[in-house]
Amino acid sequence: MADYYNDEDLARFGEIAKSNPDLFRKFMAWYEASFTPGLLTKREKVLVGVAVAHAVQCPYCIDAYTKACLEEGMSMEHIAEAVHAASAIRGGASLIHAIQAQNAADKISL
C-alpha cells in the first residue's frame, strides 16, 4: 500500500475522462466555476480547498491546494490555521454522533 498514492498520478487526472468524456467535461466546468472569484476571492477559495482536502484526507488535493495557497501568497501558518479549523469541525462531527449511540442505548435499556 505504500505506493497506493503516487505523486505522478495527480498529473494523470485528465485520464479519468476516457471512460465518460461528457460527465468529466461537466465536472470540470462545475469545478472551474466553483473556484472563479465571486463573493469569495480565489485566495479564500483555495484556503477552503486545503482545509477540506485535509478533512477528506485526499493526498492529491492536499498537494494541489497547498501549492495553490503558496501561489496565492499564503504561508504554512495560514494553511495550518485552516487545517486546524477543518479538523476541529471534523472532530466535532464525529463526536456529536455519540448522541446516536446514546439514543440507541436508551432504546435498548439493558
N, C-alpha and C. Protein backbone atom coordinates (compact mmCIF):
# COMPACT_ATOMS: atom_id res chain seq x y z
N MET A 1 0.82 -1.21 0.00
CA MET A 1 0.00 0.00 0.00
C MET A 1 0.86 1.26 0.00
N ALA A 2 2.13 1.13 0.24
CA ALA A 2 3.00 2.31 0.29
C ALA A 2 2.97 3.07 -1.03
N ASP A 3 2.72 2.38 -2.12
CA ASP A 3 2.70 3.03 -3.43
C ASP A 3 1.29 3.31 -3.93
N TYR A 4 0.31 3.24 -3.06
CA TYR A 4 -1.08 3.44 -3.48
C TYR A 4 -1.28 4.84 -4.04
N TYR A 5 -0.74 5.83 -3.36
CA TYR A 5 -0.80 7.22 -3.83
C TYR A 5 0.56 7.59 -4.41
N ASN A 6 0.58 7.90 -5.69
CA ASN A 6 1.80 8.30 -6.37
C ASN A 6 1.70 9.75 -6.78
N ASP A 7 2.73 10.53 -6.49
CA ASP A 7 2.74 11.94 -6.84
C ASP A 7 2.41 12.15 -8.32
N GLU A 8 2.91 11.26 -9.16
CA GLU A 8 2.73 11.40 -10.61
C GLU A 8 1.26 11.26 -11.02
N ASP A 9 0.47 10.59 -10.21
CA ASP A 9 -0.92 10.35 -10.58
C ASP A 9 -1.76 11.61 -10.63
N LEU A 10 -1.40 12.62 -9.85
CA LEU A 10 -2.17 13.87 -9.88
C LEU A 10 -2.18 14.46 -11.29
N ALA A 11 -1.06 14.38 -11.97
CA ALA A 11 -0.97 14.90 -13.34
C ALA A 11 -1.78 14.06 -14.33
N ARG A 12 -2.22 12.88 -13.92
CA ARG A 12 -2.98 11.99 -14.79
C ARG A 12 -4.49 12.15 -14.61
N PHE A 13 -4.90 13.12 -13.83
CA PHE A 13 -6.32 13.30 -13.52
C PHE A 13 -7.19 13.32 -14.77
N GLY A 14 -6.73 13.96 -15.81
CA GLY A 14 -7.50 14.06 -17.06
C GLY A 14 -7.80 12.72 -17.70
N GLU A 15 -7.02 11.70 -17.38
CA GLU A 15 -7.26 10.37 -17.95
C GLU A 15 -8.61 9.80 -17.54
N ILE A 16 -9.16 10.31 -16.45
CA ILE A 16 -10.47 9.85 -15.99
C ILE A 16 -11.52 10.10 -17.06
N ALA A 17 -11.29 11.11 -17.89
CA ALA A 17 -12.25 11.47 -18.93
C ALA A 17 -12.43 10.37 -19.98
N LYS A 18 -11.48 9.48 -20.11
CA LYS A 18 -11.57 8.43 -21.13
C LYS A 18 -12.83 7.59 -20.99
N SER A 19 -13.24 7.34 -19.77
CA SER A 19 -14.39 6.46 -19.54
C SER A 19 -15.73 7.14 -19.80
N ASN A 20 -15.78 8.44 -19.56
CA ASN A 20 -17.03 9.18 -19.80
C ASN A 20 -16.68 10.66 -20.01
N PRO A 21 -16.28 11.00 -21.22
CA PRO A 21 -15.82 12.37 -21.50
C PRO A 21 -16.87 13.44 -21.20
N ASP A 22 -18.12 13.14 -21.46
CA ASP A 22 -19.17 14.14 -21.25
C ASP A 22 -19.32 14.50 -19.77
N LEU A 23 -19.38 13.48 -18.92
CA LEU A 23 -19.50 13.76 -17.49
C LEU A 23 -18.25 14.43 -16.93
N PHE A 24 -17.08 14.03 -17.42
CA PHE A 24 -15.85 14.65 -16.95
C PHE A 24 -15.82 16.12 -17.36
N ARG A 25 -16.23 16.41 -18.58
CA ARG A 25 -16.28 17.80 -19.05
C ARG A 25 -17.22 18.63 -18.17
N LYS A 26 -18.37 18.06 -17.85
CA LYS A 26 -19.33 18.76 -16.99
C LYS A 26 -18.77 18.97 -15.59
N PHE A 27 -18.09 17.95 -15.06
CA PHE A 27 -17.46 18.09 -13.75
C PHE A 27 -16.43 19.22 -13.78
N MET A 28 -15.58 19.23 -14.80
CA MET A 28 -14.53 20.24 -14.88
C MET A 28 -15.12 21.65 -15.02
N ALA A 29 -16.20 21.79 -15.76
CA ALA A 29 -16.84 23.10 -15.89
C ALA A 29 -17.36 23.56 -14.53
N TRP A 30 -17.99 22.64 -13.79
CA TRP A 30 -18.50 22.96 -12.45
C TRP A 30 -17.35 23.28 -11.50
N TYR A 31 -16.32 22.44 -11.55
CA TYR A 31 -15.15 22.64 -10.69
C TYR A 31 -14.52 24.01 -10.93
N GLU A 32 -14.29 24.34 -12.19
CA GLU A 32 -13.68 25.63 -12.53
C GLU A 32 -14.58 26.79 -12.11
N ALA A 33 -15.87 26.65 -12.32
CA ALA A 33 -16.80 27.71 -11.91
C ALA A 33 -16.80 27.88 -10.40
N SER A 34 -16.61 26.79 -9.68
CA SER A 34 -16.60 26.86 -8.22
C SER A 34 -15.42 27.65 -7.69
N PHE A 35 -14.34 27.71 -8.44
CA PHE A 35 -13.15 28.43 -7.99
C PHE A 35 -12.99 29.78 -8.66
N THR A 36 -13.98 30.17 -9.44
CA THR A 36 -13.98 31.51 -10.03
C THR A 36 -14.33 32.50 -8.92
N PRO A 37 -13.58 33.60 -8.82
CA PRO A 37 -13.90 34.58 -7.77
C PRO A 37 -15.33 35.08 -7.87
N GLY A 38 -15.95 35.18 -6.73
CA GLY A 38 -17.31 35.69 -6.62
C GLY A 38 -17.34 36.50 -5.34
N LEU A 39 -18.20 36.14 -4.41
CA LEU A 39 -18.17 36.78 -3.10
C LEU A 39 -16.88 36.44 -2.37
N LEU A 40 -16.35 35.23 -2.65
CA LEU A 40 -15.05 34.84 -2.12
C LEU A 40 -14.00 35.02 -3.21
N THR A 41 -12.81 35.42 -2.79
CA THR A 41 -11.70 35.55 -3.73
C THR A 41 -11.12 34.17 -4.03
N LYS A 42 -10.31 34.10 -5.07
CA LYS A 42 -9.62 32.83 -5.37
C LYS A 42 -8.77 32.44 -4.17
N ARG A 43 -8.12 33.40 -3.55
CA ARG A 43 -7.27 33.14 -2.37
C ARG A 43 -8.09 32.48 -1.26
N GLU A 44 -9.25 33.00 -1.00
CA GLU A 44 -10.11 32.43 0.05
C GLU A 44 -10.57 31.02 -0.33
N LYS A 45 -10.90 30.85 -1.60
CA LYS A 45 -11.41 29.55 -2.04
C LYS A 45 -10.34 28.46 -1.98
N VAL A 46 -9.10 28.78 -2.32
CA VAL A 46 -8.06 27.75 -2.23
C VAL A 46 -7.72 27.44 -0.78
N LEU A 47 -7.90 28.40 0.11
CA LEU A 47 -7.69 28.13 1.54
C LEU A 47 -8.79 27.18 2.05
N VAL A 48 -10.02 27.41 1.61
CA VAL A 48 -11.09 26.46 1.92
C VAL A 48 -10.73 25.10 1.33
N GLY A 49 -10.21 25.09 0.13
CA GLY A 49 -9.83 23.85 -0.54
C GLY A 49 -8.80 23.06 0.24
N VAL A 50 -7.77 23.71 0.75
CA VAL A 50 -6.74 22.98 1.50
C VAL A 50 -7.31 22.44 2.81
N ALA A 51 -8.22 23.18 3.43
CA ALA A 51 -8.83 22.71 4.66
C ALA A 51 -9.71 21.49 4.40
N VAL A 52 -10.53 21.56 3.36
CA VAL A 52 -11.40 20.44 3.01
C VAL A 52 -10.56 19.23 2.57
N ALA A 53 -9.49 19.48 1.84
CA ALA A 53 -8.62 18.40 1.40
C ALA A 53 -8.10 17.59 2.59
N HIS A 54 -7.76 18.29 3.65
CA HIS A 54 -7.31 17.59 4.85
C HIS A 54 -8.46 16.85 5.53
N ALA A 55 -9.63 17.47 5.56
CA ALA A 55 -10.78 16.84 6.22
C ALA A 55 -11.20 15.56 5.50
N VAL A 56 -11.12 15.56 4.17
CA VAL A 56 -11.49 14.36 3.42
C VAL A 56 -10.28 13.46 3.16
N GLN A 57 -9.13 13.89 3.60
CA GLN A 57 -7.88 13.13 3.54
C GLN A 57 -7.49 12.69 2.14
N CYS A 58 -7.53 13.64 1.20
CA CYS A 58 -7.11 13.36 -0.17
C CYS A 58 -5.69 13.89 -0.37
N PRO A 59 -4.70 12.99 -0.48
CA PRO A 59 -3.33 13.46 -0.62
C PRO A 59 -3.10 14.27 -1.89
N TYR A 60 -3.81 13.94 -2.97
CA TYR A 60 -3.66 14.70 -4.20
C TYR A 60 -4.17 16.12 -4.02
N CYS A 61 -5.32 16.25 -3.35
CA CYS A 61 -5.89 17.57 -3.10
C CYS A 61 -5.02 18.36 -2.13
N ILE A 62 -4.48 17.69 -1.12
CA ILE A 62 -3.59 18.38 -0.18
C ILE A 62 -2.41 18.97 -0.93
N ASP A 63 -1.80 18.18 -1.81
CA ASP A 63 -0.67 18.68 -2.61
C ASP A 63 -1.10 19.86 -3.48
N ALA A 64 -2.19 19.70 -4.20
CA ALA A 64 -2.63 20.72 -5.15
C ALA A 64 -3.02 22.02 -4.43
N TYR A 65 -3.76 21.90 -3.34
CA TYR A 65 -4.23 23.12 -2.67
C TYR A 65 -3.17 23.75 -1.79
N THR A 66 -2.21 22.96 -1.30
CA THR A 66 -1.08 23.57 -0.61
C THR A 66 -0.31 24.43 -1.60
N LYS A 67 -0.06 23.88 -2.78
CA LYS A 67 0.63 24.64 -3.83
C LYS A 67 -0.16 25.90 -4.19
N ALA A 68 -1.47 25.76 -4.35
CA ALA A 68 -2.31 26.91 -4.71
C ALA A 68 -2.26 27.98 -3.62
N CYS A 69 -2.29 27.56 -2.36
CA CYS A 69 -2.21 28.53 -1.26
C CYS A 69 -0.88 29.27 -1.29
N LEU A 70 0.22 28.54 -1.49
CA LEU A 70 1.53 29.18 -1.56
C LEU A 70 1.60 30.15 -2.75
N GLU A 71 1.02 29.75 -3.88
CA GLU A 71 0.99 30.63 -5.05
C GLU A 71 0.16 31.88 -4.80
N GLU A 72 -0.81 31.79 -3.92
CA GLU A 72 -1.65 32.95 -3.58
C GLU A 72 -1.02 33.79 -2.46
N GLY A 73 0.22 33.47 -2.10
CA GLY A 73 0.94 34.27 -1.13
C GLY A 73 0.73 33.89 0.33
N MET A 74 0.11 32.74 0.55
CA MET A 74 -0.11 32.30 1.93
C MET A 74 1.10 31.54 2.44
N SER A 75 1.18 31.45 3.75
CA SER A 75 2.27 30.74 4.40
C SER A 75 1.74 29.45 5.01
N MET A 76 2.65 28.66 5.52
CA MET A 76 2.24 27.44 6.23
C MET A 76 1.42 27.79 7.47
N GLU A 77 1.60 28.97 8.01
CA GLU A 77 0.80 29.38 9.16
C GLU A 77 -0.66 29.54 8.77
N HIS A 78 -0.92 30.10 7.58
CA HIS A 78 -2.29 30.20 7.07
C HIS A 78 -2.89 28.81 6.89
N ILE A 79 -2.11 27.95 6.24
CA ILE A 79 -2.57 26.59 5.96
C ILE A 79 -2.85 25.85 7.26
N ALA A 80 -1.93 25.94 8.21
CA ALA A 80 -2.09 25.23 9.48
C ALA A 80 -3.35 25.70 10.21
N GLU A 81 -3.62 26.98 10.20
CA GLU A 81 -4.81 27.50 10.89
C GLU A 81 -6.08 26.97 10.22
N ALA A 82 -6.09 26.95 8.90
CA ALA A 82 -7.25 26.43 8.17
C ALA A 82 -7.43 24.94 8.44
N VAL A 83 -6.33 24.19 8.45
CA VAL A 83 -6.40 22.75 8.69
C VAL A 83 -6.89 22.47 10.11
N HIS A 84 -6.45 23.27 11.08
CA HIS A 84 -6.94 23.09 12.44
C HIS A 84 -8.44 23.35 12.52
N ALA A 85 -8.91 24.38 11.84
CA ALA A 85 -10.35 24.67 11.85
C ALA A 85 -11.13 23.50 11.24
N ALA A 86 -10.67 23.00 10.10
CA ALA A 86 -11.35 21.88 9.45
C ALA A 86 -11.30 20.63 10.32
N SER A 87 -10.17 20.41 10.96
CA SER A 87 -10.02 19.23 11.82
C SER A 87 -10.93 19.32 13.03
N ALA A 88 -11.07 20.51 13.59
CA ALA A 88 -11.95 20.70 14.74
C ALA A 88 -13.41 20.42 14.35
N ILE A 89 -13.80 20.87 13.17
CA ILE A 89 -15.16 20.60 12.69
C ILE A 89 -15.34 19.11 12.46
N ARG A 90 -14.35 18.47 11.85
CA ARG A 90 -14.46 17.02 11.61
C ARG A 90 -14.52 16.26 12.93
N GLY A 91 -13.69 16.67 13.88
CA GLY A 91 -13.72 16.03 15.19
C GLY A 91 -15.06 16.20 15.88
N GLY A 92 -15.60 17.40 15.82
CA GLY A 92 -16.91 17.66 16.42
C GLY A 92 -18.01 16.88 15.74
N ALA A 93 -17.90 16.75 14.42
CA ALA A 93 -18.90 15.99 13.67
C ALA A 93 -18.87 14.51 14.07
N SER A 94 -17.69 14.00 14.34
CA SER A 94 -17.58 12.62 14.82
C SER A 94 -18.14 12.51 16.23
N LEU A 95 -17.77 13.45 17.06
CA LEU A 95 -18.16 13.41 18.47
C LEU A 95 -19.67 13.53 18.65
N ILE A 96 -20.34 14.36 17.88
CA ILE A 96 -21.78 14.54 18.04
C ILE A 96 -22.53 13.24 17.75
N HIS A 97 -21.92 12.37 16.96
CA HIS A 97 -22.57 11.09 16.68
C HIS A 97 -22.62 10.18 17.91
N ALA A 98 -21.94 10.55 18.98
CA ALA A 98 -22.07 9.81 20.23
C ALA A 98 -23.51 9.91 20.76
N ILE A 99 -24.21 10.96 20.35
CA ILE A 99 -25.62 11.09 20.72
C ILE A 99 -26.41 9.95 20.09
N GLN A 100 -26.03 9.53 18.88
CA GLN A 100 -26.70 8.40 18.23
C GLN A 100 -26.51 7.14 19.06
N ALA A 101 -25.30 6.94 19.58
CA ALA A 101 -25.05 5.78 20.45
C ALA A 101 -25.89 5.88 21.72
N GLN A 102 -25.98 7.10 22.26
CA GLN A 102 -26.79 7.27 23.47
C GLN A 102 -28.26 6.99 23.19
N ASN A 103 -28.76 7.47 22.04
CA ASN A 103 -30.15 7.20 21.65
C ASN A 103 -30.39 5.70 21.52
N ALA A 104 -29.44 5.00 20.88
CA ALA A 104 -29.58 3.54 20.71
C ALA A 104 -29.56 2.86 22.08
N ALA A 105 -28.68 3.29 22.96
CA ALA A 105 -28.60 2.71 24.30
C ALA A 105 -29.88 2.97 25.08
N ASP A 106 -30.43 4.15 24.93
CA ASP A 106 -31.67 4.49 25.62
C ASP A 106 -32.82 3.59 25.17
N LYS A 107 -32.87 3.27 23.88
CA LYS A 107 -33.92 2.40 23.34
C LYS A 107 -33.78 0.97 23.85
N ILE A 108 -32.53 0.54 23.97
CA ILE A 108 -32.28 -0.84 24.39
C ILE A 108 -32.50 -1.00 25.89
N SER A 109 -32.05 -0.03 26.64
CA SER A 109 -32.21 0.00 28.11
C SER A 109 -31.94 -1.34 28.76
N LEU A 110 -30.76 -1.85 28.58
CA LEU A 110 -30.39 -3.14 29.18
C LEU A 110 -30.26 -2.97 30.62
